[in-house]
Amino acid sequence: MSRNWLTPLLVAALLLLPVLYVGSYAALVTPSSVHVVSQSPPDDGSCTFMVVESANYRIGGWCVGQFYWPLEQIDRKLFPERWSVGTLAK
């Protein structure tokens, strides 16, 4: 029995893997997102905030950051304005 069908299938699968990797990165990345929680307001009427964590991905935490690290470095070099947090107004 000939296995000529196996080679194109393997080639297609190998070509599809990078597309899935980049596509899943694009779907999960949220550059410079910071989760902020407000603390109880002080008596003087001002509002204070506490930064809880900086999350660059919608799900996964540290593991996802390690998995997508190479693409994140490329993304940071190509689109630095997306990754700059900026300053908070006083």
C-alpha atoms as a PDB file:
ATOM      1  CA  MET A   1       0.000   0.000   0.000  1.00  0.00           C
ATOM      2  CA  SER A   2       1.346   3.410  -0.987  1.00  0.00           C
ATOM      3  CA  ARG A   3       1.787   6.169   1.579  1.00  0.00           C
ATOM      4  CA  ASN A   4       1.959   9.076  -0.830  1.00  0.00           C
ATOM      5  CA  TRP A   5      -0.904  10.791   1.010  1.00  0.00           C
ATOM      6  CA  LEU A   6       1.088  10.978   4.238  1.00  0.00           C
ATOM      7  CA  THR A   7       3.765  13.387   3.034  1.00  0.00           C
ATOM      8  CA  PRO A   8       1.410  16.207   1.955  1.00  0.00           C
ATOM      9  CA  LEU A   9      -0.538  15.784   5.174  1.00  0.00           C
ATOM     10  CA  LEU A  10       2.620  16.150   7.295  1.00  0.00           C
ATOM     11  CA  VAL A  11       3.773  19.162   5.284  1.00  0.00           C
ATOM     12  CA  ALA A  12       0.378  20.827   5.682  1.00  0.00           C
ATOM     13  CA  ALA A  13       0.400  20.173   9.427  1.00  0.00           C
ATOM     14  CA  LEU A  14       3.919  21.604   9.790  1.00  0.00           C
ATOM     15  CA  LEU A  15       2.948  24.717   7.835  1.00  0.00           C
ATOM     16  CA  LEU A  16      -0.196  25.168   9.896  1.00  0.00           C
ATOM     17  CA  LEU A  17       1.572  25.100  13.289  1.00  0.00           C
ATOM     18  CA  PRO A  18       3.235  28.542  12.972  1.00  0.00           C
ATOM     19  CA  VAL A  19      -0.030  30.052  11.756  1.00  0.00           C
ATOM     20  CA  LEU A  20      -1.855  28.647  14.798  1.00  0.00           C
ATOM     21  CA  TYR A  21       0.924  29.880  17.120  1.00  0.00           C
ATOM     22  CA  VAL A  22       0.809  33.453  15.796  1.00  0.00           C
ATOM     23  CA  GLY A  23      -2.981  33.453  15.585  1.00  0.00           C
ATOM     24  CA  SER A  24      -3.410  32.292  19.158  1.00  0.00           C
ATOM     25  CA  TYR A  25      -0.908  34.929  20.308  1.00  0.00           C
ATOM     26  CA  ALA A  26      -2.900  37.639  18.517  1.00  0.00           C
ATOM     27  CA  ALA A  27      -6.107  36.408  20.135  1.00  0.00           C
ATOM     28  CA  LEU A  28      -4.683  36.284  23.678  1.00  0.00           C
ATOM     29  CA  VAL A  29      -2.379  39.307  23.897  1.00  0.00           C
ATOM     30  CA  THR A  30      -3.526  42.485  25.641  1.00  0.00           C
ATOM     31  CA  PRO A  31      -0.506  44.824  25.611  1.00  0.00           C
ATOM     32  CA  SER A  32       0.016  47.003  28.665  1.00  0.00           C
ATOM     33  CA  SER A  33      -3.160  46.024  30.425  1.00  0.00           C
ATOM     34  CA  VAL A  34      -3.025  46.688  34.132  1.00  0.00           C
ATOM     35  CA  HIS A  35      -5.605  45.417  36.573  1.00  0.00           C
ATOM     36  CA  VAL A  36      -6.367  48.167  39.076  1.00  0.00           C
ATOM     37  CA  VAL A  37      -8.462  47.836  42.215  1.00  0.00           C
ATOM     38  CA  SER A  38      -9.659  50.859  44.153  1.00  0.00           C
ATOM     39  CA  GLN A  39      -8.976  50.890  47.850  1.00  0.00           C
ATOM     40  CA  SER A  40     -11.414  52.225  50.397  1.00  0.00           C
ATOM     41  CA  PRO A  41     -11.587  55.994  49.958  1.00  0.00           C
ATOM     42  CA  PRO A  42      -9.813  58.045  52.616  1.00  0.00           C
ATOM     43  CA  ASP A  43     -11.691  60.590  54.695  1.00  0.00           C
ATOM     44  CA  ASP A  44     -10.264  63.562  52.796  1.00  0.00           C
ATOM     45  CA  GLY A  45     -12.319  62.727  49.664  1.00  0.00           C
ATOM     46  CA  SER A  46      -9.424  61.702  47.452  1.00  0.00           C
ATOM     47  CA  CYS A  47      -9.361  58.326  45.757  1.00  0.00           C
ATOM     48  CA  THR A  48      -6.327  56.072  45.865  1.00  0.00           C
ATOM     49  CA  PHE A  49      -5.621  53.092  43.672  1.00  0.00           C
ATOM     50  CA  MET A  50      -3.507  49.998  44.074  1.00  0.00           C
ATOM     51  CA  VAL A  51      -2.089  48.173  41.053  1.00  0.00           C
ATOM     52  CA  VAL A  52      -2.756  44.473  41.474  1.00  0.00           C
ATOM     53  CA  GLU A  53      -0.896  43.028  38.500  1.00  0.00           C
ATOM     54  CA  SER A  54       0.185  43.696  34.971  1.00  0.00           C
ATOM     55  CA  ALA A  55      -1.421  41.157  32.677  1.00  0.00           C
ATOM     56  CA  ASN A  56      -0.344  40.949  29.064  1.00  0.00           C
ATOM     57  CA  TYR A  57      -2.556  37.974  28.211  1.00  0.00           C
ATOM     58  CA  ARG A  58      -6.262  37.310  28.635  1.00  0.00           C
ATOM     59  CA  ILE A  59      -5.720  33.896  30.259  1.00  0.00           C
ATOM     60  CA  GLY A  60      -2.886  31.690  31.398  1.00  0.00           C
ATOM     61  CA  GLY A  61      -0.679  33.915  33.516  1.00  0.00           C
ATOM     62  CA  TRP A  62       2.996  33.078  33.751  1.00  0.00           C
ATOM     63  CA  CYS A  63       2.904  29.925  31.587  1.00  0.00           C
ATOM     64  CA  VAL A  64       1.391  31.750  28.634  1.00  0.00           C
ATOM     65  CA  GLY A  65       3.967  34.510  29.003  1.00  0.00           C
ATOM     66  CA  GLN A  66       6.767  31.975  28.755  1.00  0.00           C
ATOM     67  CA  PHE A  67       5.195  30.218  25.774  1.00  0.00           C
ATOM     68  CA  TYR A  68       4.689  33.429  23.775  1.00  0.00           C
ATOM     69  CA  TRP A  69       7.882  35.187  24.913  1.00  0.00           C
ATOM     70  CA  PRO A  70       9.558  35.126  21.451  1.00  0.00           C
ATOM     71  CA  LEU A  71       6.510  36.619  19.730  1.00  0.00           C
ATOM     72  CA  GLU A  72       6.083  39.196  22.473  1.00  0.00           C
ATOM     73  CA  GLN A  73       9.652  40.411  21.953  1.00  0.00           C
ATOM     74  CA  ILE A  74       9.015  40.799  18.211  1.00  0.00           C
ATOM     75  CA  ASP A  75       5.702  42.549  18.917  1.00  0.00           C
ATOM     76  CA  ARG A  76       7.377  44.964  21.368  1.00  0.00           C
ATOM     77  CA  LYS A  77      10.006  45.900  18.751  1.00  0.00           C
ATOM     78  CA  LEU A  78       7.522  46.310  15.882  1.00  0.00           C
ATOM     79  CA  PHE A  79       4.800  48.160  17.834  1.00  0.00           C
ATOM     80  CA  PRO A  80       6.385  49.904  20.860  1.00  0.00           C
ATOM     81  CA  GLU A  81       3.476  52.366  21.173  1.00  0.00           C
ATOM     82  CA  ARG A  82       1.136  49.493  22.058  1.00  0.00           C
ATOM     83  CA  TRP A  83       3.371  48.424  24.922  1.00  0.00           C
ATOM     84  CA  SER A  84       4.039  51.817  26.524  1.00  0.00           C
ATOM     85  CA  VAL A  85       1.962  52.262  29.659  1.00  0.00           C
ATOM     86  CA  GLY A  86       2.112  56.045  29.701  1.00  0.00           C
ATOM     87  CA  THR A  87       1.638  58.244  32.729  1.00  0.00           C
ATOM     88  CA  LEU A  88      -1.335  58.790  35.003  1.00  0.00           C
ATOM     89  CA  ALA A  89      -2.806  62.273  35.259  1.00  0.00           C
ATOM     90  CA  LYS A  90      -2.492  63.960  38.632  1.00  0.00           C
END
